[in-house]
Amino acid sequence: MAGARECDRCGALLPSPDLAGFASCPSCGALARIDPADLARPTSTSTPTSTSTPAQAQARPGPGRAAGRRGRGGAAAVLGSVGCLSLLVLTAVGLVVAVLVLRTDGGPLDPDPPSSLYPSGPTFALPAEAGVPGDVVVLATDNSGGESRRVLARVALGAGGGEERWRSEALPADVYAAPMALDGDHLFAGLGDEVWALSARTGEVRWRATVPDRVTVNCPDCFSVVAGTLVVRTDDAHLTAFAASSSEPRWSRRLVSASGDASVVGDRLVVVDEEEEVGRVQAATVDPRTGRTIQAARPACPSSEVLPFEVVPAAGDDVHAVPGTGDAVARFGFGYGCVVRWELDTGTVRWTAESRVGAAFTDGEPVVTATELIFPTNEDTLVLVDLATGRSTELPPVPDRTATPRQVVDGVLLADTTTTRGSERAGLAAWDLTTGVQLWAVALPGGAEPVDQGPGATSSTTLTEGRPRTLLVTAGSTPELLTFDGGRREVRTQALDPATGELGDARVRPLPTRHRSGTPSLAVADVEPRSLLVTVGGLVARIPLDADEAVTRFPGD
C-alpha cells in the first residue's frame, strides 16, 4: 500500500509512520506502509540567505584569536556547541524511550515486532485433538520484507503468544473475506472468484479453480463440505461442487431464481429454488456428489379458516435439520406464517403449522433444539413450535421491546431485547418453555449492547469507548455474559442465573489487543464448548469461559 495516507480497510486517516515506514490505523488496527515521498512537504520555496554582513564575517575571531581572548563572541560559540550537544543527547534519549514504549506495546510501530502477521479477517478453527482446542487458520496481513500482502496462516494459540505453523503464498490483492471449509487434510478457501485447496498440515496450495462470480460470504451454508464434496454458491446464484482431489467441478447448477440458495441439513444438501417454467418454489434434496435431485418437496400451508390463501416459501428460505432425525423444518410466509416439517428422503410432510401473524418473519437464525423451534416475528413476539406435533404458541411479549432468541438452557429460553420507544437500550429476557410464562427482563449493565452476530466471514463490531459490547454464551449448563470494553481494555465475565436473571460477580481480564491506542474491532469467529475464538485488536485469541483460565493468543506481547 505504498504511498497511501488512508487505511484501505476503514478509510481512516493514517498517522505518521515509524522509522521503517509503517503506520497503524487508529480505527481498525490495520497496518499500512507509507512512501516517504508522500510526507515531503516543503516549508518554503525561497532560497535561505545568511543574516551576517560581510563586515561581521570579517570581525569573527579565527581559531587563534578565540583561543587567546574569550570575548562575547567566543562564549556564544562555546554555548552554541554545548546546546547542539545537549540537543543530540536529548534526541537520542527520546528515541530510546520511544522505542522502549513501542516495544512494550508490540504494535506495528515496533521496529522488531513479535510477528509480521496481523490477523485482519475471518478465523477458522481446526478440530480439537484429544480434548485440546485445535489450531486456527486466519486471514492475515503479512508485512515481512517491507511489503504488505494478504495470506492465510495457520497458528497455534498459546499463553506465551502461540506459534506460526505456516503461511500461504500471497492471495489475490482484493481479498478481504475468506470463507473456509475442511475435509480431512484438505482446507478449502473462497478467495474472490477463486477456490483454493490447500494442505491443512503444510499450507501447500494443491489446486486453484475459477468460479463464475465472487463466492457468496453473507450466509452460513454458501461454502460448505457435504458428504465429502465442497459446494460453493456464488453471487450470480450458481452452485458449483468440487471433490478434494481435483480443480475440475463435479457438477454445476444455475439456480432459477437469483435468490435461490442451498442449506446444509445434516449430511444432506437442500436447494430451495423456483421450478423451471412453473415458478413455484420447491425444496429439493440434492445428492452433493452428483448434483442429482433425490426428492423434491413442496412445503406449504393450504388456505383455511385461519389463512385466506395458500402460504408457500420464497426462493432462498432457510431449511433446518430436526436434530436426531432425517427430517427438515422450515418457516416462511409474509402477512401470514407457515411452519412445515417433512421427511427429506421421501418428501412426506409430517405436519404443517399455520399462524395468523400480521407481519413478515424477521431475518436471522431461529433457535432449533431436539424438541422445539423458536423464532421472532415483526410483531415483537416470539413463536414456540413443538417439533413433535407442530403445535405453535406465541410467547408473551416484553412491553416496548423486541426480542431475539439466543439459546435454551434447562427449559428456559434466553433472548436479547431492544427497546422500541425512546433511546435504544439493550437487555435480556427469559421464558419458561414448559408454561410459556415470562420469567424476567433486565437491561444490560452499563448501557452495553450485544455483539453483532452475523456470519463470521464479514461480521465485526467496533469497541468504541463508552459502548461496551456483550455476548451471551453457554458453558455446559451455565450461561455466561461476556462484556468487551474497548475504553477500559478489559473483558468481564459474569455467570447468569437463567431462573432470575441475576448476574454473578464480575471477573475481569485484560482485553487481548496488539495496540494500546486506537479503537479495536472485535469479530467472533467461533463459540467453542469451553471458550470463545475471536479476532480483536490485530491478533487472534481464544478466551476461556472459565475466567480463571488464561487467555491464549497470537502473536504474543
Protein backbone atom coordinates (compact mmCIF):
# COMPACT_ATOMS: atom_id res chain seq x y z
CA MET A 1 0.00 0.00 0.00
CA ALA A 2 2.92 2.31 -0.72
CA GLY A 3 2.07 5.97 -0.89
CA ALA A 4 -1.36 5.64 0.76
CA ARG A 5 -2.38 8.01 3.54
CA GLU A 6 -5.76 6.39 4.25
CA CYS A 7 -6.49 2.93 5.66
CA ASP A 8 -7.57 0.56 2.90
CA ARG A 9 -9.84 -1.30 5.35
CA CYS A 10 -11.83 1.51 7.00
CA GLY A 11 -10.75 4.74 5.27
CA ALA A 12 -9.41 6.43 8.42
CA LEU A 13 -6.53 8.92 8.12
CA LEU A 14 -3.26 7.22 8.99
CA PRO A 15 -0.77 8.75 11.47
CA SER A 16 2.89 9.42 10.69
CA PRO A 17 4.88 6.21 10.05
CA ASP A 18 7.65 4.77 12.15
CA LEU A 19 11.31 4.62 11.09
CA ALA A 20 10.61 1.55 8.96
CA GLY A 21 7.78 3.33 7.11
CA PHE A 22 4.82 1.53 8.73
CA ALA A 23 1.76 3.12 10.34
CA SER A 24 -1.11 1.52 12.30
CA CYS A 25 -4.69 2.58 11.60
CA PRO A 26 -6.07 4.21 14.80
CA SER A 27 -9.55 2.93 14.00
CA CYS A 28 -9.22 -0.74 12.99
CA GLY A 29 -5.56 -1.53 13.77
CA ALA A 30 -4.66 -2.50 10.19
CA LEU A 31 -1.03 -1.96 9.16
CA ALA A 32 -0.02 0.16 6.18
CA ARG A 33 3.28 1.13 4.56
CA ILE A 34 3.64 4.83 3.66
CA ASP A 35 6.03 6.07 0.99
CA PRO A 36 8.32 8.78 2.48
CA ALA A 37 7.71 10.86 -0.67
CA ASP A 38 4.11 11.36 0.47
CA LEU A 39 5.34 13.01 3.63
CA ALA A 40 7.67 15.53 1.93
CA ARG A 41 6.11 18.94 2.29
CA PRO A 42 8.49 21.90 1.61
CA THR A 43 8.05 24.67 4.17
CA SER A 44 9.35 27.44 1.88
CA THR A 45 10.17 27.95 -1.79
CA SER A 46 12.70 30.78 -1.18
CA THR A 47 16.45 30.27 -1.02
CA PRO A 48 17.90 30.55 2.52
CA THR A 49 20.15 33.62 2.99
CA SER A 50 22.80 34.49 5.56
CA THR A 51 21.93 37.10 8.20
CA SER A 52 25.59 38.13 8.65
CA THR A 53 27.03 41.16 6.85
CA PRO A 54 30.47 40.96 5.23
CA ALA A 55 31.88 43.21 7.96
CA GLN A 56 30.54 40.92 10.69
CA ALA A 57 32.04 37.96 8.94
CA GLN A 58 35.42 39.60 8.89
CA ALA A 59 35.18 40.57 12.58
CA ARG A 60 34.61 36.97 13.79
CA PRO A 61 37.61 35.68 15.70
CA GLY A 62 39.60 32.98 14.00
CA PRO A 63 40.82 29.94 15.81
CA GLY A 64 43.91 31.71 17.17
CA ARG A 65 42.04 34.74 18.47
CA ALA A 66 39.32 32.65 20.09
CA ALA A 67 41.94 30.66 21.99
CA GLY A 68 43.80 33.74 23.21
CA ARG A 69 40.85 36.00 24.17
CA ARG A 70 37.47 34.74 25.30
CA GLY A 71 35.18 37.62 24.37
CA ARG A 72 31.40 37.66 23.93
CA GLY A 73 31.57 36.03 20.56
CA GLY A 74 33.70 33.20 21.88
CA ALA A 75 31.32 32.49 24.75
CA ALA A 76 28.39 32.30 22.33
CA ALA A 77 30.29 29.85 20.19
CA VAL A 78 31.02 27.63 23.19
CA LEU A 79 27.43 27.78 24.40
CA GLY A 80 26.19 27.04 20.90
CA SER A 81 28.38 23.93 20.79
CA VAL A 82 27.08 22.80 24.20
CA GLY A 83 23.49 23.42 23.07
CA CYS A 84 23.94 21.28 19.98
CA LEU A 85 25.48 18.50 22.07
CA SER A 86 22.62 18.71 24.57
CA LEU A 87 20.07 18.58 21.75
CA LEU A 88 21.72 15.49 20.31
CA VAL A 89 21.76 13.79 23.72
CA LEU A 90 18.10 14.63 24.38
CA THR A 91 17.11 13.46 20.91
CA ALA A 92 18.92 10.16 21.42
CA VAL A 93 17.31 9.67 24.83
CA GLY A 94 13.90 10.46 23.35
CA LEU A 95 14.36 7.91 20.58
CA VAL A 96 15.40 5.24 23.10
CA VAL A 97 12.36 6.00 25.28
CA ALA A 98 10.08 5.98 22.25
CA VAL A 99 11.45 2.62 21.09
CA LEU A 100 11.05 1.14 24.57
CA VAL A 101 7.44 2.35 24.78
CA LEU A 102 6.61 1.00 21.35
CA ARG A 103 8.23 -2.34 22.15
CA THR A 104 6.06 -2.78 25.24
CA ASP A 105 3.01 -2.26 23.03
CA GLY A 106 4.10 -4.83 20.44
CA GLY A 107 2.25 -2.79 17.80
CA PRO A 108 3.16 -2.12 14.18
CA LEU A 109 5.41 0.83 15.12
CA ASP A 110 7.71 -1.60 16.92
CA PRO A 111 10.93 -1.85 14.84
CA ASP A 112 11.20 -5.51 15.92
CA PRO A 113 7.59 -6.75 16.26
CA PRO A 114 6.88 -10.25 17.61
CA SER A 115 5.38 -11.22 14.25
CA SER A 116 4.96 -9.64 10.82
CA LEU A 117 1.48 -11.21 10.62
CA TYR A 118 -1.55 -9.10 11.53
CA PRO A 119 -4.77 -11.15 11.68
CA SER A 120 -7.29 -8.97 9.87
CA GLY A 121 -10.09 -11.21 8.70
CA PRO A 122 -12.06 -14.41 9.22
CA THR A 123 -10.69 -17.09 11.52
CA PHE A 124 -11.36 -20.80 11.04
CA ALA A 125 -10.98 -23.26 13.92
CA LEU A 126 -9.40 -26.63 13.12
CA PRO A 127 -10.69 -29.70 15.01
CA ALA A 128 -9.65 -30.22 18.62
CA GLU A 129 -7.22 -33.02 19.34
CA ALA A 130 -7.51 -35.16 22.48
CA GLY A 131 -9.85 -32.60 24.02
CA VAL A 132 -7.37 -29.76 23.49
CA PRO A 133 -8.64 -26.86 21.31
CA GLY A 134 -7.01 -27.02 17.90
CA ASP A 135 -5.03 -24.56 15.79
CA VAL A 136 -6.70 -21.85 13.76
CA VAL A 137 -6.32 -20.63 10.19
CA VAL A 138 -6.70 -16.88 9.84
CA LEU A 139 -6.79 -14.37 7.00
CA ALA A 140 -3.89 -12.05 7.83
CA THR A 141 -1.80 -9.19 6.50
CA ASP A 142 1.85 -10.17 6.04
CA ASN A 143 4.23 -7.19 6.36
CA SER A 144 7.52 -9.02 6.02
CA GLY A 145 10.17 -7.81 3.59
CA GLY A 146 8.88 -4.24 3.60
CA GLU A 147 5.75 -5.23 1.65
CA SER A 148 2.10 -5.77 2.53
CA ARG A 149 0.20 -8.77 1.24
CA ARG A 150 -2.79 -10.93 2.23
CA VAL A 151 -2.13 -14.52 3.24
CA LEU A 152 -3.71 -17.41 5.07
CA ALA A 153 -1.77 -18.53 8.13
CA ARG A 154 -2.11 -21.50 10.45
CA VAL A 155 -1.21 -20.62 14.02
CA ALA A 156 -1.26 -22.38 17.38
CA LEU A 157 -2.61 -20.23 20.18
CA GLY A 158 -0.55 -20.25 23.37
CA ALA A 159 -0.21 -18.43 26.68
CA GLY A 160 3.13 -17.02 25.55
CA GLY A 161 1.86 -15.89 22.17
CA GLY A 162 1.45 -19.12 20.27
CA GLU A 163 3.36 -20.33 17.22
CA GLU A 164 3.05 -19.87 13.48
CA ARG A 165 2.81 -23.23 11.67
CA TRP A 166 2.76 -21.91 8.10
CA ARG A 167 1.71 -19.02 5.92
CA SER A 168 0.40 -19.38 2.38
CA GLU A 169 1.62 -17.70 -0.74
CA ALA A 170 0.15 -14.26 -1.43
CA LEU A 171 -3.61 -14.16 -2.04
CA PRO A 172 -5.34 -12.01 -4.68
CA ALA A 173 -4.91 -8.35 -3.71
CA ASP A 174 -8.63 -7.56 -3.45
CA VAL A 175 -9.47 -10.36 -0.99
CA TYR A 176 -10.95 -9.15 2.31
CA ALA A 177 -13.09 -12.18 3.17
CA ALA A 178 -12.21 -15.85 3.01
CA PRO A 179 -14.87 -18.42 3.89
CA MET A 180 -13.17 -21.72 4.70
CA ALA A 181 -14.15 -25.38 4.99
CA LEU A 182 -12.27 -28.57 5.88
CA ASP A 183 -12.33 -32.14 4.59
CA GLY A 184 -9.58 -34.20 6.22
CA ASP A 185 -6.29 -32.54 5.34
CA HIS A 186 -7.93 -30.51 2.58
CA LEU A 187 -8.53 -26.89 3.56
CA PHE A 188 -10.74 -25.02 1.09
CA ALA A 189 -10.86 -21.20 0.89
CA GLY A 190 -13.13 -18.93 -1.13
CA LEU A 191 -11.00 -16.03 -2.40
CA GLY A 192 -12.98 -13.62 -4.55
CA ASP A 193 -13.92 -15.58 -7.68
CA GLU A 194 -11.40 -18.34 -6.94
CA VAL A 195 -11.47 -21.50 -4.84
CA TRP A 196 -8.17 -22.72 -3.40
CA ALA A 197 -7.47 -26.16 -1.96
CA LEU A 198 -4.56 -26.21 0.49
CA SER A 199 -2.97 -28.78 2.74
CA ALA A 200 -4.14 -28.03 6.27
CA ARG A 201 -0.88 -29.56 7.53
CA THR A 202 1.65 -27.67 5.38
CA GLY A 203 -0.23 -24.80 3.70
CA GLU A 204 0.78 -26.03 0.23
CA VAL A 205 -1.67 -24.95 -2.49
CA ARG A 206 -2.81 -28.14 -4.20
CA TRP A 207 -5.09 -26.57 -6.78
CA ARG A 208 -6.98 -23.43 -7.77
CA ALA A 209 -10.26 -23.13 -9.62
CA THR A 210 -12.16 -20.13 -11.00
CA VAL A 211 -15.92 -19.93 -10.32
CA PRO A 212 -18.49 -17.83 -12.26
CA ASP A 213 -18.59 -14.93 -9.77
CA ARG A 214 -17.40 -13.94 -6.32
CA VAL A 215 -18.06 -16.51 -3.61
CA THR A 216 -21.09 -15.53 -1.52
CA VAL A 217 -19.92 -14.71 2.01
CA ASN A 218 -23.07 -13.49 3.79
CA CYS A 219 -24.71 -16.85 4.50
CA PRO A 220 -23.60 -19.76 6.68
CA ASP A 221 -24.01 -22.57 4.12
CA CYS A 222 -22.72 -20.93 0.93
CA PHE A 223 -19.28 -22.55 1.27
CA SER A 224 -19.65 -25.96 2.87
CA VAL A 225 -18.40 -29.55 2.70
CA VAL A 226 -21.28 -32.02 2.46
CA ALA A 227 -20.65 -35.76 2.18
CA GLY A 228 -17.05 -35.23 1.04
CA THR A 229 -17.97 -32.58 -1.53
CA LEU A 230 -17.35 -28.83 -1.39
CA VAL A 231 -20.46 -26.92 -2.51
CA VAL A 232 -19.95 -23.24 -3.37
CA ARG A 233 -22.60 -20.60 -4.06
CA THR A 234 -21.51 -17.51 -5.99
CA ASP A 235 -23.10 -14.07 -6.12
CA ASP A 236 -24.64 -14.79 -9.54
CA ALA A 237 -26.68 -17.66 -7.99
CA HIS A 238 -24.66 -20.58 -9.32
CA LEU A 239 -23.82 -23.71 -7.32
CA THR A 240 -20.51 -25.43 -8.09
CA ALA A 241 -19.29 -28.64 -6.45
CA PHE A 242 -15.70 -29.90 -6.11
CA ALA A 243 -14.04 -33.07 -4.89
CA ALA A 244 -10.91 -32.60 -2.80
CA SER A 245 -8.72 -34.30 -5.42
CA SER A 246 -9.35 -32.06 -8.44
CA SER A 247 -9.98 -28.50 -9.55
CA GLU A 248 -12.47 -29.80 -12.14
CA PRO A 249 -16.04 -29.30 -10.86
CA ARG A 250 -18.06 -32.40 -10.10
CA TRP A 251 -21.16 -30.52 -11.23
CA SER A 252 -22.57 -27.04 -11.53
CA ARG A 253 -26.09 -25.71 -11.36
CA ARG A 254 -27.56 -22.35 -12.35
CA LEU A 255 -30.32 -21.51 -9.88
CA VAL A 256 -33.56 -20.38 -11.50
CA SER A 257 -34.09 -17.52 -9.05
CA ALA A 258 -31.33 -15.05 -8.20
CA SER A 259 -32.43 -15.52 -4.56
CA GLY A 260 -32.18 -19.31 -4.71
CA ASP A 261 -29.95 -20.88 -2.10
CA ALA A 262 -28.79 -24.14 -0.58
CA SER A 263 -28.95 -25.29 3.05
CA VAL A 264 -26.84 -27.99 4.67
CA VAL A 265 -29.26 -30.21 6.58
CA GLY A 266 -27.33 -32.88 8.46
CA ASP A 267 -25.41 -34.78 5.78
CA ARG A 268 -27.77 -33.65 3.02
CA LEU A 269 -27.99 -30.67 0.70
CA VAL A 270 -31.37 -28.96 0.27
CA VAL A 271 -31.80 -26.44 -2.57
CA VAL A 272 -34.71 -24.00 -2.16
CA ASP A 273 -35.41 -22.56 -5.59
CA GLU A 274 -38.11 -21.99 -8.19
CA GLU A 275 -39.02 -24.81 -10.54
CA GLU A 276 -38.22 -24.34 -14.22
CA GLU A 277 -41.17 -22.86 -16.17
CA VAL A 278 -43.51 -23.37 -13.21
CA GLY A 279 -42.43 -20.59 -10.88
CA ARG A 280 -43.44 -22.49 -7.76
CA VAL A 281 -40.74 -22.88 -5.10
CA GLN A 282 -39.61 -26.35 -4.10
CA ALA A 283 -37.17 -27.72 -1.53
CA ALA A 284 -35.11 -30.29 -3.39
CA THR A 285 -32.92 -32.83 -1.61
CA VAL A 286 -29.80 -32.99 -3.81
CA ASP A 287 -27.03 -35.59 -3.89
CA PRO A 288 -23.93 -33.43 -3.26
CA ARG A 289 -21.70 -35.85 -5.20
CA THR A 290 -23.65 -35.73 -8.46
CA GLY A 291 -26.00 -32.75 -8.19
CA ARG A 292 -28.94 -35.07 -8.92
CA THR A 293 -32.27 -34.27 -7.25
CA ILE A 294 -33.25 -37.16 -4.99
CA GLN A 295 -36.60 -35.83 -3.84
CA ALA A 296 -38.47 -32.55 -4.35
CA ALA A 297 -40.82 -31.40 -1.58
CA ARG A 298 -43.28 -28.52 -1.90
CA PRO A 299 -43.90 -27.39 1.68
CA ALA A 300 -46.94 -25.15 2.06
CA CYS A 301 -49.88 -24.29 4.31
CA PRO A 302 -53.17 -24.50 2.40
CA SER A 303 -55.88 -21.87 2.75
CA SER A 304 -58.16 -22.42 5.72
CA GLU A 305 -60.27 -20.60 8.29
CA VAL A 306 -57.04 -19.09 9.57
CA LEU A 307 -55.30 -18.46 6.23
CA PRO A 308 -57.18 -16.68 3.43
CA PHE A 309 -54.73 -18.01 0.85
CA GLU A 310 -52.06 -20.69 0.46
CA VAL A 311 -48.75 -19.76 2.09
CA VAL A 312 -45.66 -21.02 0.24
CA PRO A 313 -41.92 -20.47 0.72
CA ALA A 314 -39.82 -17.99 -1.25
CA ALA A 315 -36.62 -18.92 -3.08
CA GLY A 316 -33.71 -18.91 -0.67
CA ASP A 317 -35.72 -19.52 2.52
CA ASP A 318 -33.65 -21.45 5.06
CA VAL A 319 -34.20 -25.10 5.90
CA HIS A 320 -33.09 -26.56 9.25
CA ALA A 321 -32.40 -30.09 10.42
CA VAL A 322 -34.54 -31.62 13.15
CA PRO A 323 -31.76 -32.95 15.43
CA GLY A 324 -31.52 -36.73 15.65
CA THR A 325 -33.78 -37.38 12.64
CA GLY A 326 -33.71 -37.34 8.86
CA ASP A 327 -36.30 -34.59 8.81
CA ALA A 328 -36.20 -30.90 7.94
CA VAL A 329 -38.24 -27.94 9.17
CA ALA A 330 -38.78 -24.56 7.53
CA ARG A 331 -40.69 -21.41 8.48
CA PHE A 332 -41.82 -18.93 5.85
CA GLY A 333 -44.60 -16.58 4.81
CA PHE A 334 -45.47 -12.91 4.51
CA GLY A 335 -48.53 -11.45 6.19
CA TYR A 336 -49.43 -14.94 7.43
CA GLY A 337 -46.99 -17.57 8.64
CA CYS A 338 -46.39 -21.25 7.99
CA VAL A 339 -44.07 -23.87 9.51
CA VAL A 340 -43.67 -27.29 7.87
CA ARG A 341 -41.80 -30.44 8.90
CA TRP A 342 -41.11 -33.10 6.27
CA GLU A 343 -39.00 -36.18 5.63
CA LEU A 344 -36.03 -35.38 3.41
CA ASP A 345 -35.67 -38.70 1.59
CA THR A 346 -39.35 -39.12 0.69
CA GLY A 347 -40.77 -35.58 0.79
CA THR A 348 -43.53 -36.77 3.12
CA VAL A 349 -44.98 -33.87 5.14
CA ARG A 350 -45.37 -34.77 8.82
CA TRP A 351 -47.29 -31.65 9.85
CA THR A 352 -47.98 -28.02 8.99
CA ALA A 353 -48.49 -25.18 11.49
CA GLU A 354 -50.31 -22.07 10.32
CA SER A 355 -50.11 -18.70 12.03
CA ARG A 356 -52.09 -15.50 11.85
CA VAL A 357 -49.01 -13.37 12.37
CA GLY A 358 -49.67 -9.94 10.90
CA ALA A 359 -46.15 -9.24 9.60
CA ALA A 360 -43.28 -10.95 7.83
CA PHE A 361 -40.87 -13.06 9.79
CA THR A 362 -37.71 -11.22 10.72
CA ASP A 363 -34.30 -12.15 9.39
CA GLY A 364 -31.88 -14.17 11.48
CA GLU A 365 -31.33 -17.70 12.64
CA PRO A 366 -34.04 -19.31 14.82
CA VAL A 367 -33.22 -21.49 17.81
CA VAL A 368 -33.69 -25.19 16.98
CA THR A 369 -33.44 -27.90 19.62
CA ALA A 370 -34.41 -31.58 19.51
CA THR A 371 -37.94 -30.68 20.68
CA GLU A 372 -38.75 -27.08 19.68
CA LEU A 373 -38.28 -24.31 17.14
CA ILE A 374 -38.30 -20.69 18.37
CA PHE A 375 -38.24 -17.65 16.08
CA PRO A 376 -39.18 -13.94 16.23
CA THR A 377 -41.76 -12.03 14.20
CA ASN A 378 -42.08 -8.39 13.21
CA GLU A 379 -44.91 -8.03 15.75
CA ASP A 380 -42.32 -8.15 18.56
CA THR A 381 -43.39 -11.63 19.62
CA LEU A 382 -41.64 -15.00 19.78
CA VAL A 383 -43.27 -18.12 18.38
CA LEU A 384 -42.63 -21.53 20.00
CA VAL A 385 -43.32 -24.60 17.83
CA ASP A 386 -43.42 -28.14 19.26
CA LEU A 387 -41.44 -30.19 16.71
CA ALA A 388 -43.26 -33.40 17.60
CA THR A 389 -46.79 -32.13 16.94
CA GLY A 390 -46.49 -28.78 15.14
CA ARG A 391 -48.45 -27.01 17.86
CA SER A 392 -47.39 -23.36 17.98
CA THR A 393 -47.63 -20.82 20.80
CA GLU A 394 -46.88 -17.10 20.88
CA LEU A 395 -44.85 -16.26 23.96
CA PRO A 396 -45.87 -13.15 25.93
CA PRO A 397 -44.01 -10.11 24.54
CA VAL A 398 -41.79 -7.86 26.64
CA PRO A 399 -43.57 -4.46 26.68
CA ASP A 400 -41.93 -1.91 24.37
CA ARG A 401 -39.15 -4.30 23.40
CA THR A 402 -38.26 -6.60 20.52
CA ALA A 403 -36.74 -9.99 21.34
CA THR A 404 -34.24 -12.19 19.50
CA PRO A 405 -33.95 -15.80 20.78
CA ARG A 406 -30.41 -16.94 21.59
CA GLN A 407 -30.37 -20.25 23.45
CA VAL A 408 -32.30 -22.69 25.62
CA VAL A 409 -30.83 -23.68 29.00
CA ASP A 410 -32.64 -26.23 31.22
CA GLY A 411 -36.01 -25.49 29.64
CA VAL A 412 -35.55 -21.70 29.83
CA LEU A 413 -35.33 -19.59 26.66
CA LEU A 414 -32.86 -16.70 26.84
CA ALA A 415 -33.21 -13.80 24.41
CA ASP A 416 -31.64 -10.43 23.60
CA THR A 417 -34.04 -7.49 23.78
CA THR A 418 -34.03 -3.93 22.38
CA THR A 419 -36.31 -1.05 23.34
CA THR A 420 -38.79 0.23 20.75
CA ARG A 421 -39.50 3.57 22.46
CA GLY A 422 -37.14 6.37 23.33
CA SER A 423 -33.40 5.80 23.30
CA GLU A 424 -32.34 2.37 22.10
CA ARG A 425 -31.30 0.20 25.04
CA ALA A 426 -30.37 -3.47 25.06
CA GLY A 427 -31.33 -6.11 27.59
CA LEU A 428 -32.04 -9.77 28.26
CA ALA A 429 -35.25 -11.68 28.91
CA ALA A 430 -36.28 -15.28 29.70
CA TRP A 431 -39.33 -17.55 29.32
CA ASP A 432 -40.19 -20.90 30.86
CA LEU A 433 -40.86 -23.07 27.80
CA THR A 434 -42.96 -25.58 29.78
CA THR A 435 -45.52 -22.99 30.88
CA GLY A 436 -44.87 -20.19 28.36
CA VAL A 437 -44.54 -17.72 31.25
CA GLN A 438 -42.09 -14.85 31.01
CA LEU A 439 -39.70 -15.14 33.96
CA TRP A 440 -37.81 -11.83 33.89
CA ALA A 441 -36.48 -8.98 31.74
CA VAL A 442 -33.49 -6.79 32.62
CA ALA A 443 -31.35 -4.10 30.98
CA LEU A 444 -27.73 -4.87 30.19
CA PRO A 445 -25.36 -3.36 32.78
CA GLY A 446 -23.55 -0.13 31.94
CA GLY A 447 -25.59 0.58 28.82
CA ALA A 448 -23.92 -2.28 26.95
CA GLU A 449 -25.12 -3.59 23.60
CA PRO A 450 -24.93 -7.12 22.13
CA VAL A 451 -22.08 -8.03 19.80
CA ASP A 452 -23.13 -8.14 16.16
CA GLN A 453 -23.65 -11.81 15.37
CA GLY A 454 -23.65 -12.03 11.60
CA PRO A 455 -21.81 -14.62 9.52
CA GLY A 456 -18.23 -15.00 10.64
CA ALA A 457 -16.82 -14.07 7.25
CA THR A 458 -17.93 -10.46 7.43
CA SER A 459 -19.25 -9.63 10.88
CA SER A 460 -17.25 -7.37 13.23
CA THR A 461 -18.02 -4.87 15.95
CA THR A 462 -16.11 -1.68 16.78
CA LEU A 463 -15.40 -1.44 20.51
CA THR A 464 -15.99 2.29 20.79
CA GLU A 465 -15.13 3.90 24.12
CA GLY A 466 -18.22 4.20 26.32
CA ARG A 467 -20.13 1.50 24.35
CA PRO A 468 -19.25 -1.93 25.79
CA ARG A 469 -20.46 -5.00 23.91
CA THR A 470 -21.80 -8.25 25.33
CA LEU A 471 -22.10 -11.83 24.18
CA LEU A 472 -24.27 -14.46 25.87
CA VAL A 473 -22.75 -17.94 25.70
CA THR A 474 -23.23 -21.26 27.47
CA ALA A 475 -20.52 -23.22 29.27
CA GLY A 476 -22.12 -26.58 29.95
CA SER A 477 -25.43 -25.66 31.59
CA THR A 478 -24.25 -22.31 32.96
CA PRO A 479 -24.88 -19.21 30.83
CA GLU A 480 -22.08 -16.65 30.88
CA LEU A 481 -22.30 -12.99 29.90
CA LEU A 482 -19.03 -11.68 28.43
CA THR A 483 -18.64 -7.90 28.24
CA PHE A 484 -15.96 -6.40 25.98
CA ASP A 485 -14.98 -2.87 26.99
CA GLY A 486 -12.74 -1.12 24.45
CA GLY A 487 -12.26 2.03 26.55
CA ARG A 488 -11.10 0.15 29.64
CA ARG A 489 -9.36 -2.54 27.61
CA GLU A 490 -10.93 -5.35 29.60
CA VAL A 491 -13.20 -8.40 29.34
CA ARG A 492 -15.70 -9.05 32.14
CA THR A 493 -17.24 -12.48 32.67
CA GLN A 494 -20.41 -12.91 34.76
CA ALA A 495 -22.49 -16.02 35.40
CA LEU A 496 -26.19 -15.58 34.60
CA ASP A 497 -28.90 -17.29 36.64
CA PRO A 498 -31.48 -18.33 33.99
CA ALA A 499 -34.27 -18.54 36.58
CA THR A 500 -33.89 -14.99 37.94
CA GLY A 501 -31.71 -13.00 35.52
CA GLU A 502 -29.26 -12.16 38.30
CA LEU A 503 -25.62 -11.71 37.31
CA GLY A 504 -22.77 -13.03 39.42
CA ASP A 505 -19.67 -11.12 40.43
CA ALA A 506 -17.63 -9.80 37.51
CA ARG A 507 -14.29 -11.50 36.85
CA VAL A 508 -12.09 -9.08 34.93
CA ARG A 509 -9.28 -9.87 32.49
CA PRO A 510 -7.32 -7.58 30.14
CA LEU A 511 -8.73 -7.32 26.63
CA PRO A 512 -6.18 -9.10 24.41
CA THR A 513 -5.16 -6.42 21.89
CA ARG A 514 -1.99 -5.69 19.99
CA HIS A 515 -2.17 -1.90 20.41
CA ARG A 516 -2.60 0.32 23.43
CA SER A 517 -4.21 3.14 21.48
CA GLY A 518 -6.91 3.39 18.84
CA THR A 519 -10.32 1.74 18.70
CA PRO A 520 -10.16 -2.07 18.40
CA SER A 521 -12.66 -4.08 16.40
CA LEU A 522 -14.00 -7.45 17.53
CA ALA A 523 -15.09 -10.37 15.37
CA VAL A 524 -16.49 -13.55 16.94
CA ALA A 525 -15.11 -16.46 14.91
CA ASP A 526 -16.50 -19.41 16.87
CA VAL A 527 -18.23 -20.26 20.15
CA GLU A 528 -16.46 -23.44 21.25
CA PRO A 529 -17.61 -25.78 24.04
CA ARG A 530 -15.48 -24.08 26.69
CA SER A 531 -14.09 -20.97 25.01
CA LEU A 532 -14.66 -18.12 22.59
CA LEU A 533 -12.50 -17.66 19.49
CA VAL A 534 -12.13 -14.03 18.39
CA THR A 535 -10.01 -11.67 16.33
CA VAL A 536 -9.51 -8.38 18.15
CA GLY A 537 -7.01 -5.52 18.07
CA GLY A 538 -4.63 -7.03 15.48
CA LEU A 539 -4.46 -10.54 16.92
CA VAL A 540 -6.42 -13.77 17.23
CA ALA A 541 -7.29 -15.01 20.73
CA ARG A 542 -9.06 -17.87 22.47
CA ILE A 543 -10.87 -16.63 25.59
CA PRO A 544 -11.83 -19.42 28.04
CA LEU A 545 -15.32 -19.10 29.50
CA ASP A 546 -13.79 -20.02 32.84
CA ALA A 547 -12.30 -16.67 33.91
CA ASP A 548 -9.66 -18.47 35.98
CA GLU A 549 -8.07 -19.91 32.84
CA ALA A 550 -5.52 -17.93 30.83
CA VAL A 551 -6.30 -16.28 27.51
CA THR A 552 -4.21 -17.69 24.64
CA ARG A 553 -3.30 -15.53 21.66
CA PHE A 554 -1.23 -14.98 18.55
CA PRO A 555 1.01 -13.11 18.21
CA GLY A 556 2.40 -12.59 21.71
CA ASP A 557 3.39 -9.44 23.56
